[in-house]
């Protein structure tokens, strides 16, 4: 018997910047992800150091004029721009009910402030989303998944500048007008709390240009939260009955011990890393605890008259989140640290870790679902969940990824338990359904997909698609609606 409702949306997710490639085709402009540099010869320490969590002026200026595609993996991706039809055919074979991808802002408005949109870019997404529906898949579209037109940084300073809200809303209006009939779920911002933990990806900040980094981060965040609310408002006006959500990267935290200091540390971690953002998007106001957070960070958020009303009157229809791991909360400086999505965390001795040091915690997903649903009573959507691994085909081209099957099975079991607990869970878009460039580490070899892509760290290879063992497993899971996993 399945715990999942009959209309549960089994799906898969990618991001345009990590998959499309074709960085200078079809009228596309340069975006912030195109500037992230990677060298296949870096060792593990160099890879960690060069993740671009903090962009520098030198690296930014070098990337602006670089034509060296090999060292800028987001420029080549997996060539999804040209291969989407064959890739969607595989996803149809897989049985996906919904496909989540992002729209490249720089394909629609190459400079971000253009007077008119790029028709070739619009046509690409019309064709892509039409193909999804033709193959029986709903569309879950992320409006901004980190990739912002570079001109908006060089000319306006990025999200520090309130003008960004107007440019973003012009972009949203174009999408609603031209793609509204083809999109089933809208997401204005991917992982909106990313601005705090990866300021280049999240809000386009260059650290060495900021006198007060935290002040700049939270001013950018405020502009994005207002933009999120206005995107909800505009969508509801232009597309009656539309579903527009909010999203965070979920950092589930447990106190290290029952020491009250650790318990309080856990509460503050949950508030500052997760709930601050969802409280604003779902409840419609800055929570009381944010005053202390800002005071201790030396931050004063500048609001314009009417901002509080905008936030209050335009809350989201659903909440979504990425979930990969959990972490420990404690003020004990000697606690062992491990890696994770967007930020490192203290290591839980009860959990195993992935090849990249991310802690594997399926029950943490059930905990997160219960806590978020209890707090907001809004429908939830798991927008990302998966495991990165260095998958290798054998001599016959088979990829035996039993570790991925184990990971997915354990997390899907806990999703079912959460539904039994009473959580209203709309769907699950596994990350990334096909191998793409890893956003966190910029590696090709950190593979998440149930579909293998033959490209190496330097972008070389046949680009052939191969089904991993996990493809057949997930296909059967979907066919049985989660009853047989």
Protein backbone atom coordinates (compact mmCIF):
# COMPACT_ATOMS: atom_id res chain seq x y z
CA UNK A 1 0.00 0.00 0.00
CA UNK A 2 1.25 3.48 -0.87
CA UNK A 3 1.37 6.34 1.61
CA UNK A 4 1.39 8.75 -1.33
CA UNK A 5 -1.77 10.37 -2.74
CA UNK A 6 -2.76 9.42 -6.29
CA UNK A 7 -1.94 12.90 -7.60
CA UNK A 8 1.51 13.00 -6.00
CA UNK A 9 3.99 14.76 -8.28
CA UNK A 10 7.03 12.52 -8.76
CA UNK A 11 9.64 14.51 -10.61
CA UNK A 12 13.17 15.59 -11.27
CA UNK A 13 15.00 18.90 -11.20
CA UNK A 14 17.87 20.72 -12.88
CA UNK A 15 18.94 24.36 -13.27
CA UNK A 16 19.43 26.15 -16.58
CA UNK A 17 22.92 27.39 -15.70
CA UNK A 18 24.13 23.91 -14.77
CA UNK A 19 22.64 22.11 -17.76
CA UNK A 20 21.95 24.26 -20.83
CA UNK A 21 25.41 25.33 -21.95
CA UNK A 22 25.13 27.42 -25.16
CA UNK A 23 26.24 30.39 -23.06
CA UNK A 24 26.67 32.68 -26.06
CA UNK A 25 23.97 31.27 -28.37
CA UNK A 26 20.39 32.29 -29.03
CA UNK A 27 20.96 35.88 -27.95
CA UNK A 28 21.87 34.95 -24.36
CA UNK A 29 23.84 37.45 -22.32
CA UNK A 30 26.60 36.75 -19.82
CA UNK A 31 25.34 35.78 -16.36
CA UNK A 32 26.90 35.41 -12.93
CA UNK A 33 27.24 31.62 -13.14
CA UNK A 34 29.19 31.96 -16.40
CA UNK A 35 31.92 33.70 -14.36
CA UNK A 36 32.61 30.83 -11.94
CA UNK A 37 36.02 29.35 -12.66
CA UNK A 38 37.21 25.75 -12.22
CA UNK A 39 40.38 23.82 -13.01
CA UNK A 40 40.20 20.05 -13.43
CA UNK A 41 43.79 19.81 -12.12
CA UNK A 42 42.96 21.37 -8.74
CA UNK A 43 43.36 19.04 -5.77
CA UNK A 44 40.64 18.69 -3.11
CA UNK A 45 41.94 21.62 -1.04
CA UNK A 46 42.11 23.92 -4.07
CA UNK A 47 38.58 22.92 -5.08
CA UNK A 48 37.28 23.84 -1.64
CA UNK A 49 39.15 27.16 -1.71
CA UNK A 50 37.89 28.12 -5.16
CA UNK A 51 34.17 27.45 -4.79
CA UNK A 52 33.38 31.17 -5.34
CA UNK A 53 31.39 31.45 -2.11
CA UNK A 54 33.17 34.81 -1.93
CA UNK A 55 33.81 36.30 -5.36
CA UNK A 56 36.83 38.59 -5.71
CA UNK A 57 37.28 41.62 -7.95
CA UNK A 58 40.30 40.01 -9.64
CA UNK A 59 38.46 36.79 -10.45
CA UNK A 60 35.38 38.73 -11.61
CA UNK A 61 37.35 40.96 -14.00
CA UNK A 62 39.32 38.04 -15.41
CA UNK A 63 36.13 36.07 -16.10
CA UNK A 64 34.44 38.99 -17.88
CA UNK A 65 36.78 38.73 -20.86
CA UNK A 66 37.74 35.05 -20.65
CA UNK A 67 37.02 32.95 -23.71
CA UNK A 68 38.51 29.81 -22.14
CA UNK A 69 35.40 27.60 -21.98
CA UNK A 70 37.22 24.65 -20.43
CA UNK A 71 37.73 26.54 -17.16
CA UNK A 72 34.16 27.88 -16.97
CA UNK A 73 31.99 24.73 -16.79
CA UNK A 74 28.65 26.54 -16.52
CA UNK A 75 29.26 27.82 -20.03
CA UNK A 76 29.13 24.28 -21.45
CA UNK A 77 26.97 22.33 -18.97
CA UNK A 78 25.58 19.18 -20.62
CA UNK A 79 24.34 20.97 -23.75
CA UNK A 80 20.73 20.59 -22.63
CA UNK A 81 19.95 23.63 -24.78
CA UNK A 82 20.37 21.40 -27.83
CA UNK A 83 19.56 17.96 -26.37
CA UNK A 84 16.42 18.71 -24.36
CA UNK A 85 14.12 16.66 -26.60
CA UNK A 86 16.10 13.45 -26.19
CA UNK A 87 16.56 14.17 -22.47
CA UNK A 88 12.84 14.75 -21.95
CA UNK A 89 12.14 11.51 -23.84
CA UNK A 90 14.22 9.72 -21.21
CA UNK A 91 12.32 11.51 -18.46
CA UNK A 92 9.03 10.46 -20.03
CA UNK A 93 10.31 6.88 -20.07
CA UNK A 94 11.20 7.33 -16.42
CA UNK A 95 7.57 8.29 -15.77
CA UNK A 96 8.11 11.80 -14.38
CA UNK A 97 4.93 13.66 -13.52
CA UNK A 98 6.68 17.01 -13.18
CA UNK A 99 9.93 18.57 -14.37
CA UNK A 100 11.58 21.40 -12.49
CA UNK A 101 14.01 23.67 -14.28
CA UNK A 102 14.96 27.31 -14.17
CA UNK A 103 14.60 29.97 -16.80
CA UNK A 104 17.77 31.85 -17.71
CA UNK A 105 17.16 35.55 -17.08
CA UNK A 106 20.01 36.36 -19.50
CA UNK A 107 18.25 34.42 -22.28
CA UNK A 108 15.12 36.54 -21.86
CA UNK A 109 16.81 39.87 -21.07
CA UNK A 110 20.50 39.50 -22.06
CA UNK A 111 21.55 42.62 -20.15
CA UNK A 112 18.80 42.57 -17.54
CA UNK A 113 17.79 46.16 -18.28
CA UNK A 114 16.90 45.74 -21.97
CA UNK A 115 13.82 47.56 -23.19
CA UNK A 116 12.53 44.48 -25.04
CA UNK A 117 12.94 40.76 -24.37
CA UNK A 118 14.95 38.43 -26.57
CA UNK A 119 12.39 36.58 -28.70
CA UNK A 120 14.76 33.69 -29.42
CA UNK A 121 15.10 33.05 -25.71
CA UNK A 122 11.35 33.12 -25.18
CA UNK A 123 10.85 30.71 -28.08
CA UNK A 124 13.33 28.28 -26.54
CA UNK A 125 11.33 28.03 -23.30
CA UNK A 126 8.00 27.87 -25.12
CA UNK A 127 9.36 24.91 -27.05
CA UNK A 128 10.91 23.30 -23.96
CA UNK A 129 7.79 23.57 -21.81
CA UNK A 130 5.52 22.54 -24.68
CA UNK A 131 7.66 19.42 -25.05
CA UNK A 132 7.28 18.71 -21.34
CA UNK A 133 3.49 18.84 -21.55
CA UNK A 134 3.50 16.80 -24.74
CA UNK A 135 5.33 14.11 -22.78
CA UNK A 136 2.89 14.21 -19.87
CA UNK A 137 4.96 16.31 -17.46
CA UNK A 138 3.88 19.38 -15.56
CA UNK A 139 6.35 22.26 -15.37
CA UNK A 140 7.81 23.70 -12.17
CA UNK A 141 9.68 26.84 -13.24
CA UNK A 142 12.25 28.67 -11.14
CA UNK A 143 12.44 32.30 -12.22
CA UNK A 144 15.89 33.04 -10.72
CA UNK A 145 18.24 30.17 -9.89
CA UNK A 146 21.36 32.23 -9.03
CA UNK A 147 22.15 33.23 -12.64
CA UNK A 148 21.75 37.03 -12.89
CA UNK A 149 22.74 39.03 -16.01
CA UNK A 150 26.25 40.38 -15.38
CA UNK A 151 25.36 43.84 -16.69
CA UNK A 152 23.13 44.29 -13.65
CA UNK A 153 26.18 43.89 -11.41
CA UNK A 154 28.63 46.03 -13.40
CA UNK A 155 26.12 48.82 -14.05
CA UNK A 156 23.88 48.80 -10.95
CA UNK A 157 25.72 46.87 -8.24
CA UNK A 158 23.34 43.90 -8.26
CA UNK A 159 20.77 43.24 -5.55
CA UNK A 160 22.13 46.00 -3.29
CA UNK A 161 20.38 48.38 -5.67
CA UNK A 162 16.62 48.60 -5.23
CA UNK A 163 16.26 49.13 -8.98
CA UNK A 164 16.85 45.39 -9.29
CA UNK A 165 13.28 44.82 -8.12
CA UNK A 166 11.95 46.68 -11.15
CA UNK A 167 14.20 44.82 -13.60
CA UNK A 168 13.23 41.52 -12.01
CA UNK A 169 9.50 42.29 -12.16
CA UNK A 170 9.77 43.27 -15.83
CA UNK A 171 11.34 39.85 -16.39
CA UNK A 172 8.56 38.16 -14.37
CA UNK A 173 5.85 39.99 -16.30
CA UNK A 174 7.31 38.78 -19.59
CA UNK A 175 7.41 35.19 -18.32
CA UNK A 176 3.83 35.32 -17.05
CA UNK A 177 2.61 36.81 -20.34
CA UNK A 178 4.48 34.50 -22.67
CA UNK A 179 4.87 31.27 -20.67
CA UNK A 180 2.00 31.47 -18.20
CA UNK A 181 -0.13 28.84 -19.90
CA UNK A 182 2.78 26.38 -19.88
CA UNK A 183 3.91 26.61 -16.24
CA UNK A 184 2.09 24.80 -13.44
CA UNK A 185 4.14 25.94 -10.43
CA UNK A 186 6.19 29.11 -10.17
CA UNK A 187 9.16 29.70 -7.87
CA UNK A 188 10.50 33.28 -7.84
CA UNK A 189 13.86 32.51 -6.16
CA UNK A 190 15.86 29.34 -5.65
CA UNK A 191 17.07 28.89 -2.05
CA UNK A 192 16.52 32.52 -1.07
CA UNK A 193 18.59 32.02 2.11
CA UNK A 194 21.61 31.33 -0.11
CA UNK A 195 22.39 35.05 0.01
CA UNK A 196 23.62 34.52 3.55
CA UNK A 197 25.69 31.40 2.88
CA UNK A 198 26.94 31.95 -0.66
CA UNK A 199 26.68 35.68 -1.33
CA UNK A 200 27.96 35.46 -4.91
CA UNK A 201 25.39 32.90 -5.99
CA UNK A 202 22.59 34.33 -3.88
CA UNK A 203 22.91 38.07 -4.37
CA UNK A 204 25.91 38.78 -6.64
CA UNK A 205 28.16 40.37 -4.03
CA UNK A 206 31.92 40.76 -4.48
CA UNK A 207 33.33 40.54 -0.98
CA UNK A 208 36.40 42.77 -1.34
CA UNK A 209 34.14 45.58 -2.54
CA UNK A 210 32.01 45.62 0.65
CA UNK A 211 32.83 47.54 3.83
CA UNK A 212 30.16 45.67 5.79
CA UNK A 213 29.49 42.30 4.18
CA UNK A 214 26.58 41.38 6.47
CA UNK A 215 24.89 44.73 5.87
CA UNK A 216 25.13 44.26 2.11
CA UNK A 217 23.90 40.66 2.33
CA UNK A 218 20.75 41.50 4.29
CA UNK A 219 19.97 44.60 2.23
CA UNK A 220 20.12 42.40 -0.86
CA UNK A 221 17.97 39.82 0.93
CA UNK A 222 15.35 42.45 1.76
CA UNK A 223 15.14 43.50 -1.87
CA UNK A 224 14.73 39.85 -2.89
CA UNK A 225 12.02 39.24 -0.29
CA UNK A 226 10.10 42.28 -1.56
CA UNK A 227 10.66 41.08 -5.14
CA UNK A 228 9.39 37.61 -4.17
CA UNK A 229 6.22 39.10 -2.71
CA UNK A 230 5.65 41.34 -5.74
CA UNK A 231 6.23 38.36 -8.06
CA UNK A 232 3.50 36.50 -6.15
CA UNK A 233 1.18 39.51 -6.47
CA UNK A 234 1.82 39.95 -10.19
CA UNK A 235 1.36 36.26 -10.94
CA UNK A 236 -1.94 36.10 -9.06
CA UNK A 237 -3.14 39.16 -10.99
CA UNK A 238 -2.01 37.96 -14.42
CA UNK A 239 -2.68 34.22 -14.00
CA UNK A 240 -5.69 33.70 -11.71
CA UNK A 241 -5.41 30.47 -9.74
CA UNK A 242 -1.64 30.26 -10.19
CA UNK A 243 0.57 28.56 -7.59
CA UNK A 244 3.58 30.63 -6.56
CA UNK A 245 5.94 29.43 -3.85
CA UNK A 246 8.96 30.24 -1.76
CA UNK A 247 12.10 28.15 -1.30
CA UNK A 248 15.00 27.77 1.09
CA UNK A 249 17.95 25.43 1.41
CA UNK A 250 16.84 23.51 4.52
CA UNK A 251 19.55 23.28 7.19
CA UNK A 252 18.05 20.89 9.69
CA UNK A 253 19.85 21.22 13.02
CA UNK A 254 19.95 19.06 16.16
CA UNK A 255 21.42 20.14 19.51
CA UNK A 256 24.66 18.25 20.16
CA UNK A 257 23.52 17.37 23.68
CA UNK A 258 20.68 18.11 26.09
CA UNK A 259 22.81 20.90 27.57
CA UNK A 260 20.45 23.92 27.46
CA UNK A 261 23.17 25.92 25.69
CA UNK A 262 23.18 23.39 22.85
CA UNK A 263 19.37 23.36 22.74
CA UNK A 264 19.31 27.15 22.50
CA UNK A 265 21.99 27.01 19.82
CA UNK A 266 19.73 24.66 17.84
CA UNK A 267 16.78 27.05 18.11
CA UNK A 268 18.88 29.99 16.94
CA UNK A 269 20.34 27.99 14.05
CA UNK A 270 16.85 27.02 12.89
CA UNK A 271 15.61 30.60 13.18
CA UNK A 272 18.57 32.34 11.57
CA UNK A 273 19.34 29.81 8.81
CA UNK A 274 15.83 28.66 7.89
CA UNK A 275 12.79 30.24 9.47
CA UNK A 276 13.72 33.90 9.08
CA UNK A 277 13.23 33.54 5.33
CA UNK A 278 10.14 31.32 5.37
CA UNK A 279 8.56 33.43 8.14
CA UNK A 280 8.74 36.51 5.91
CA UNK A 281 7.50 34.70 2.78
CA UNK A 282 4.72 32.68 4.48
CA UNK A 283 3.68 34.82 7.45
CA UNK A 284 4.30 38.15 5.76
CA UNK A 285 6.48 39.98 8.25
CA UNK A 286 9.96 40.11 9.75
CA UNK A 287 9.93 37.90 12.87
CA UNK A 288 10.67 39.40 16.29
CA UNK A 289 13.89 37.40 16.69
CA UNK A 290 15.35 39.05 13.57
CA UNK A 291 15.82 42.29 15.54
CA UNK A 292 18.41 40.65 17.77
CA UNK A 293 20.01 38.86 14.82
CA UNK A 294 20.45 42.17 12.97
CA UNK A 295 21.68 43.99 16.07
CA UNK A 296 24.37 41.39 16.75
CA UNK A 297 25.47 41.43 13.10
CA UNK A 298 25.59 45.23 12.98
CA UNK A 299 22.91 45.33 10.28
CA UNK A 300 20.24 47.97 9.65
CA UNK A 301 17.90 47.00 6.83
CA UNK A 302 16.65 49.99 4.88
CA UNK A 303 12.96 49.65 4.04
CA UNK A 304 10.88 51.88 1.84
CA UNK A 305 7.35 53.00 2.79
CA UNK A 306 4.94 50.28 1.76
CA UNK A 307 7.42 47.40 2.02
CA UNK A 308 5.75 45.97 5.11
CA UNK A 309 2.37 46.02 3.37
CA UNK A 310 3.83 44.34 0.28
CA UNK A 311 5.24 41.51 2.39
CA UNK A 312 2.07 41.15 4.47
CA UNK A 313 -0.38 41.10 1.57
CA UNK A 314 1.49 38.80 -0.83
CA UNK A 315 2.46 35.63 0.97
CA UNK A 316 3.29 32.43 -0.90
CA UNK A 317 0.88 29.64 -1.86
CA UNK A 318 3.30 26.85 -0.93
CA UNK A 319 6.76 26.37 0.51
CA UNK A 320 9.52 24.31 -1.04
CA UNK A 321 12.99 23.43 0.05
CA UNK A 322 16.14 21.54 -0.82
CA UNK A 323 17.12 18.82 1.63
CA UNK A 324 20.43 16.99 1.48
CA UNK A 325 21.71 16.62 5.03
CA UNK A 326 21.38 17.71 8.65
CA UNK A 327 23.91 19.18 11.05
CA UNK A 328 24.67 19.65 14.75
CA UNK A 329 24.19 22.83 16.79
CA UNK A 330 26.62 23.61 19.60
CA UNK A 331 28.93 26.38 20.75
CA UNK A 332 31.64 23.81 21.40
CA UNK A 333 34.50 24.98 19.19
CA UNK A 334 36.20 21.56 19.32
CA UNK A 335 33.31 19.76 17.62
CA UNK A 336 34.31 18.02 14.37
CA UNK A 337 33.21 19.82 11.20
CA UNK A 338 32.06 18.24 7.94
CA UNK A 339 30.94 19.55 4.54
CA UNK A 340 27.42 20.29 3.33
CA UNK A 341 25.17 22.19 0.94
CA UNK A 342 26.25 25.86 0.85
CA UNK A 343 27.96 25.67 4.25
CA UNK A 344 29.86 23.30 6.49
CA UNK A 345 28.30 21.89 9.64
CA UNK A 346 29.26 20.09 12.78
CA UNK A 347 29.40 16.34 12.37
CA UNK A 348 26.73 14.03 13.77
CA UNK A 349 28.41 10.81 15.04
CA UNK A 350 25.21 8.82 14.41
CA UNK A 351 25.15 9.47 10.67
CA UNK A 352 27.06 8.25 7.64
CA UNK A 353 28.47 10.73 5.14
CA UNK A 354 28.57 10.88 1.37
CA UNK A 355 31.74 10.88 -0.72
CA UNK A 356 31.76 14.68 -0.41
CA UNK A 357 31.29 14.64 3.37
CA UNK A 358 27.56 15.47 3.43
CA UNK A 359 25.73 13.75 6.29
CA UNK A 360 23.04 11.32 5.17
CA UNK A 361 19.95 11.71 7.34
CA UNK A 362 16.65 10.44 5.87
CA UNK A 363 14.74 10.87 9.13
CA UNK A 364 15.82 14.49 9.15
CA UNK A 365 13.63 14.93 6.08
CA UNK A 366 10.57 13.65 7.98
CA UNK A 367 11.50 15.92 10.88
CA UNK A 368 11.83 18.92 8.55
CA UNK A 369 8.52 18.22 6.82
CA UNK A 370 6.69 17.92 10.14
CA UNK A 371 8.24 21.03 11.61
CA UNK A 372 7.60 23.19 8.55
CA UNK A 373 4.04 22.00 8.05
CA UNK A 374 3.23 22.48 11.73
CA UNK A 375 4.66 26.01 11.62
CA UNK A 376 2.95 27.23 8.45
CA UNK A 377 0.10 24.88 7.52
CA UNK A 378 0.93 25.43 3.85
CA UNK A 379 1.42 22.77 1.16
CA UNK A 380 5.05 21.69 0.93
CA UNK A 381 7.20 20.63 -2.02
CA UNK A 382 10.60 18.95 -1.85
CA UNK A 383 12.30 20.85 -4.67
CA UNK A 384 15.69 19.14 -4.35
CA UNK A 385 17.01 15.96 -2.76
CA UNK A 386 19.72 13.58 -3.94
CA UNK A 387 23.26 12.37 -3.50
CA UNK A 388 26.37 13.39 -5.44
CA UNK A 389 28.80 10.59 -6.26
CA UNK A 390 31.62 9.86 -8.67
CA UNK A 391 29.71 7.31 -10.76
CA UNK A 392 31.80 5.26 -13.17
CA UNK A 393 30.47 3.12 -16.07
CA UNK A 394 31.85 -0.41 -16.23
CA UNK A 395 33.26 -2.01 -19.40
CA UNK A 396 29.74 -2.62 -20.71
CA UNK A 397 28.59 0.96 -20.04
CA UNK A 398 26.50 0.00 -17.00
CA UNK A 399 26.49 2.24 -13.92
CA UNK A 400 25.80 0.35 -10.71
CA UNK A 401 24.82 3.07 -8.24
CA UNK A 402 23.29 1.05 -5.41
CA UNK A 403 24.33 3.83 -3.00
CA UNK A 404 21.98 6.22 -4.80
CA UNK A 405 19.13 3.72 -4.70
CA UNK A 406 19.71 3.26 -0.96
CA UNK A 407 19.73 7.04 -0.46
CA UNK A 408 16.56 7.65 -2.46
CA UNK A 409 14.72 4.70 -0.92
CA UNK A 410 15.45 5.85 2.62
CA UNK A 411 14.37 9.44 1.96
CA UNK A 412 11.22 8.45 0.06
CA UNK A 413 10.26 6.13 2.93
CA UNK A 414 10.48 9.10 5.30
CA UNK A 415 8.41 11.24 2.92
CA UNK A 416 5.71 8.58 3.12
CA UNK A 417 5.92 8.62 6.90
CA UNK A 418 5.54 12.41 6.91
CA UNK A 419 2.44 12.13 4.74
CA UNK A 420 1.07 9.60 7.23
CA UNK A 421 1.88 12.15 9.95
CA UNK A 422 -0.53 14.52 8.20
CA UNK A 423 1.86 16.65 6.16
CA UNK A 424 0.41 18.02 2.90
CA UNK A 425 3.26 17.17 0.52
CA UNK A 426 2.60 18.09 -3.12
CA UNK A 427 5.59 16.55 -4.82
CA UNK A 428 9.23 15.62 -5.01
CA UNK A 429 11.68 16.74 -7.69
CA UNK A 430 14.85 14.71 -7.26
CA UNK A 431 18.10 16.62 -7.79
CA UNK A 432 19.50 16.45 -10.45
CA UNK A 433 17.57 13.96 -12.46
CA UNK A 434 20.33 13.92 -15.11
CA UNK A 435 24.02 14.55 -14.42
CA UNK A 436 24.84 18.27 -14.55
CA UNK A 437 27.62 20.57 -13.35
CA UNK A 438 27.59 20.62 -9.54
CA UNK A 439 26.64 24.09 -8.34
CA UNK A 440 28.53 23.83 -5.05
CA UNK A 441 31.85 22.48 -6.26
CA UNK A 442 31.67 23.25 -10.03
CA UNK A 443 32.58 19.62 -10.75
CA UNK A 444 31.13 17.36 -13.40
CA UNK A 445 32.22 14.25 -11.53
CA UNK A 446 29.97 15.02 -8.57
CA UNK A 447 27.02 13.32 -10.23
CA UNK A 448 23.45 13.28 -8.94
CA UNK A 449 21.45 11.89 -11.86
CA UNK A 450 19.74 8.62 -12.60
CA UNK A 451 20.91 9.40 -16.16
CA UNK A 452 24.66 9.48 -16.76
CA UNK A 453 26.22 12.09 -19.08
CA UNK A 454 29.56 11.24 -20.67
CA UNK A 455 31.53 14.41 -19.95
CA UNK A 456 34.60 14.83 -17.79
CA UNK A 457 35.77 17.66 -15.54
CA UNK A 458 37.07 19.63 -18.53
CA UNK A 459 33.87 19.17 -20.53
CA UNK A 460 35.30 16.55 -22.87
CA UNK A 461 33.47 13.36 -23.83
CA UNK A 462 30.82 11.98 -26.14
CA UNK A 463 27.97 13.67 -24.20
CA UNK A 464 26.13 10.33 -24.52
CA UNK A 465 23.32 9.60 -22.05
CA UNK A 466 23.30 6.26 -20.18
CA UNK A 467 20.74 4.90 -17.74
CA UNK A 468 22.10 4.06 -14.32
CA UNK A 469 20.68 1.25 -12.17
CA UNK A 470 18.84 3.95 -10.22
CA UNK A 471 16.88 4.83 -13.39
CA UNK A 472 15.00 1.51 -13.32
CA UNK A 473 14.57 1.76 -9.56
CA UNK A 474 13.06 5.27 -9.64
CA UNK A 475 10.92 4.29 -12.63
CA UNK A 476 9.41 1.44 -10.61
CA UNK A 477 8.95 3.69 -7.59
CA UNK A 478 6.93 6.12 -9.71
CA UNK A 479 4.95 3.38 -11.43
CA UNK A 480 3.87 1.98 -8.05
CA UNK A 481 3.35 5.48 -6.56
CA UNK A 482 5.92 4.74 -3.88
CA UNK A 483 4.33 1.44 -2.80
CA UNK A 484 7.30 -0.64 -3.98
CA UNK A 485 10.67 0.90 -3.23
